[in-house]
Amino acid sequence: MTLKCKLSPLYEAVALAVAEFRADKLTAEVAPMTEFVIAIHRPAVEHRIGLSQVTQWAQGTRDGPAGVIKRQRIMSLLNKQP
């Protein structure tokens, strides 16, 4: 599956992908050890990040109120059920 997002943080890209996978009943369950490949074009950059790393980051409380809001958004996407 390809997901396009404009200048979104890596963790948000993974959370959006998880929400899309969970909404698709034909897709297998996403597990904590699932690895996602995030490709950024112009310039082309590729990152590999595990779902467990995203979840751990989203459960953190650093970075002040703005950081907490970002983390809550990521957690809500990860917890989104179809």
C-alpha atoms as a PDB file:
ATOM      1  CA  MET A   1       0.000   0.000   0.000  1.00  0.00           C
ATOM      2  CA  THR A   2       1.291   3.469  -0.815  1.00  0.00           C
ATOM      3  CA  LEU A   3       0.321   6.381   1.357  1.00  0.00           C
ATOM      4  CA  LYS A   4       1.197   9.927   0.354  1.00  0.00           C
ATOM      5  CA  CYS A   5       1.569  12.552   3.041  1.00  0.00           C
ATOM      6  CA  LYS A   6       3.025  16.010   2.632  1.00  0.00           C
ATOM      7  CA  LEU A   7       5.901  16.711   5.034  1.00  0.00           C
ATOM      8  CA  SER A   8       4.358  14.587   7.797  1.00  0.00           C
ATOM      9  CA  PRO A   9       6.602  13.236  10.518  1.00  0.00           C
ATOM     10  CA  LEU A  10       7.629   9.609  10.166  1.00  0.00           C
ATOM     11  CA  TYR A  11       5.588   8.528  13.148  1.00  0.00           C
ATOM     12  CA  GLU A  12       2.455  10.138  11.755  1.00  0.00           C
ATOM     13  CA  ALA A  13       3.045   8.361   8.439  1.00  0.00           C
ATOM     14  CA  VAL A  14       3.208   4.999  10.254  1.00  0.00           C
ATOM     15  CA  ALA A  15       0.111   5.804  12.335  1.00  0.00           C
ATOM     16  CA  LEU A  16      -1.832   6.763   9.196  1.00  0.00           C
ATOM     17  CA  ALA A  17      -0.754   3.508   7.531  1.00  0.00           C
ATOM     18  CA  VAL A  18      -1.812   1.474  10.585  1.00  0.00           C
ATOM     19  CA  ALA A  19      -5.235   3.163  10.577  1.00  0.00           C
ATOM     20  CA  GLU A  20      -5.622   2.342   6.855  1.00  0.00           C
ATOM     21  CA  PHE A  21      -4.579  -1.291   7.346  1.00  0.00           C
ATOM     22  CA  ARG A  22      -6.982  -1.734  10.255  1.00  0.00           C
ATOM     23  CA  ALA A  23      -9.830  -0.253   8.205  1.00  0.00           C
ATOM     24  CA  ASP A  24      -9.228  -2.875   5.477  1.00  0.00           C
ATOM     25  CA  LYS A  25     -10.817  -6.156   6.536  1.00  0.00           C
ATOM     26  CA  LEU A  26      -8.710  -8.101   4.023  1.00  0.00           C
ATOM     27  CA  THR A  27      -5.412  -6.979   5.567  1.00  0.00           C
ATOM     28  CA  ALA A  28      -3.769  -9.057   8.277  1.00  0.00           C
ATOM     29  CA  GLU A  29      -3.512  -7.555  11.776  1.00  0.00           C
ATOM     30  CA  VAL A  30      -0.598  -5.179  12.276  1.00  0.00           C
ATOM     31  CA  ALA A  31       1.696  -6.458  15.034  1.00  0.00           C
ATOM     32  CA  PRO A  32       4.182  -4.494  17.193  1.00  0.00           C
ATOM     33  CA  MET A  33       7.134  -5.976  15.287  1.00  0.00           C
ATOM     34  CA  THR A  34       5.704  -4.947  11.902  1.00  0.00           C
ATOM     35  CA  GLU A  35       8.235  -2.842  10.032  1.00  0.00           C
ATOM     36  CA  PHE A  36       7.130  -0.042   7.745  1.00  0.00           C
ATOM     37  CA  VAL A  37       9.134   1.440   4.902  1.00  0.00           C
ATOM     38  CA  ILE A  38       8.606   5.163   4.500  1.00  0.00           C
ATOM     39  CA  ALA A  39       9.876   6.571   1.213  1.00  0.00           C
ATOM     40  CA  ILE A  40      10.190  10.313   0.807  1.00  0.00           C
ATOM     41  CA  HIS A  41      10.492  11.616  -2.732  1.00  0.00           C
ATOM     42  CA  ARG A  42      12.253  14.846  -3.751  1.00  0.00           C
ATOM     43  CA  PRO A  43      14.879  14.095  -2.647  1.00  0.00           C
ATOM     44  CA  ALA A  44      14.330  10.371  -2.398  1.00  0.00           C
ATOM     45  CA  VAL A  45      14.886   9.175   1.181  1.00  0.00           C
ATOM     46  CA  GLU A  46      13.799   5.897   2.749  1.00  0.00           C
ATOM     47  CA  HIS A  47      13.366   5.179   6.471  1.00  0.00           C
ATOM     48  CA  ARG A  48      12.622   1.885   8.206  1.00  0.00           C
ATOM     49  CA  ILE A  49      10.730   2.121  11.475  1.00  0.00           C
ATOM     50  CA  GLY A  50       9.024  -0.492  13.628  1.00  0.00           C
ATOM     51  CA  LEU A  51       5.492  -0.134  14.935  1.00  0.00           C
ATOM     52  CA  SER A  52       6.708  -0.784  18.482  1.00  0.00           C
ATOM     53  CA  GLN A  53       9.089   2.192  18.179  1.00  0.00           C
ATOM     54  CA  VAL A  54       6.240   4.448  17.029  1.00  0.00           C
ATOM     55  CA  THR A  55       4.000   3.228  19.855  1.00  0.00           C
ATOM     56  CA  GLN A  56       6.726   3.781  22.455  1.00  0.00           C
ATOM     57  CA  TRP A  57       7.362   7.315  21.143  1.00  0.00           C
ATOM     58  CA  ALA A  58       3.654   8.157  21.111  1.00  0.00           C
ATOM     59  CA  GLN A  59       3.278   7.043  24.742  1.00  0.00           C
ATOM     60  CA  GLY A  60       5.977   9.490  25.864  1.00  0.00           C
ATOM     61  CA  THR A  61       5.259  12.812  27.545  1.00  0.00           C
ATOM     62  CA  ARG A  62       8.242  14.977  26.582  1.00  0.00           C
ATOM     63  CA  ASP A  63       8.272  18.037  24.321  1.00  0.00           C
ATOM     64  CA  GLY A  64       5.723  20.202  26.174  1.00  0.00           C
ATOM     65  CA  PRO A  65       2.056  20.737  25.273  1.00  0.00           C
ATOM     66  CA  ALA A  66       2.609  20.800  21.490  1.00  0.00           C
ATOM     67  CA  GLY A  67       4.511  17.504  21.653  1.00  0.00           C
ATOM     68  CA  VAL A  68       1.817  15.922  23.812  1.00  0.00           C
ATOM     69  CA  ILE A  69      -0.849  16.910  21.273  1.00  0.00           C
ATOM     70  CA  LYS A  70       1.186  15.366  18.430  1.00  0.00           C
ATOM     71  CA  ARG A  71       1.680  12.174  20.425  1.00  0.00           C
ATOM     72  CA  GLN A  72      -2.027  11.971  21.295  1.00  0.00           C
ATOM     73  CA  ARG A  73      -2.909  12.321  17.599  1.00  0.00           C
ATOM     74  CA  ILE A  74      -0.525   9.487  16.733  1.00  0.00           C
ATOM     75  CA  MET A  75      -1.977   7.273  19.494  1.00  0.00           C
ATOM     76  CA  SER A  76      -5.545   7.964  18.341  1.00  0.00           C
ATOM     77  CA  LEU A  77      -4.584   6.914  14.806  1.00  0.00           C
ATOM     78  CA  LEU A  78      -2.882   3.762  16.091  1.00  0.00           C
ATOM     79  CA  ASN A  79      -5.889   2.867  18.252  1.00  0.00           C
ATOM     80  CA  LYS A  80      -8.454   3.599  15.535  1.00  0.00           C
ATOM     81  CA  GLN A  81     -10.660   0.596  14.894  1.00  0.00           C
ATOM     82  CA  PRO A  82     -12.702   0.004  11.706  1.00  0.00           C
END
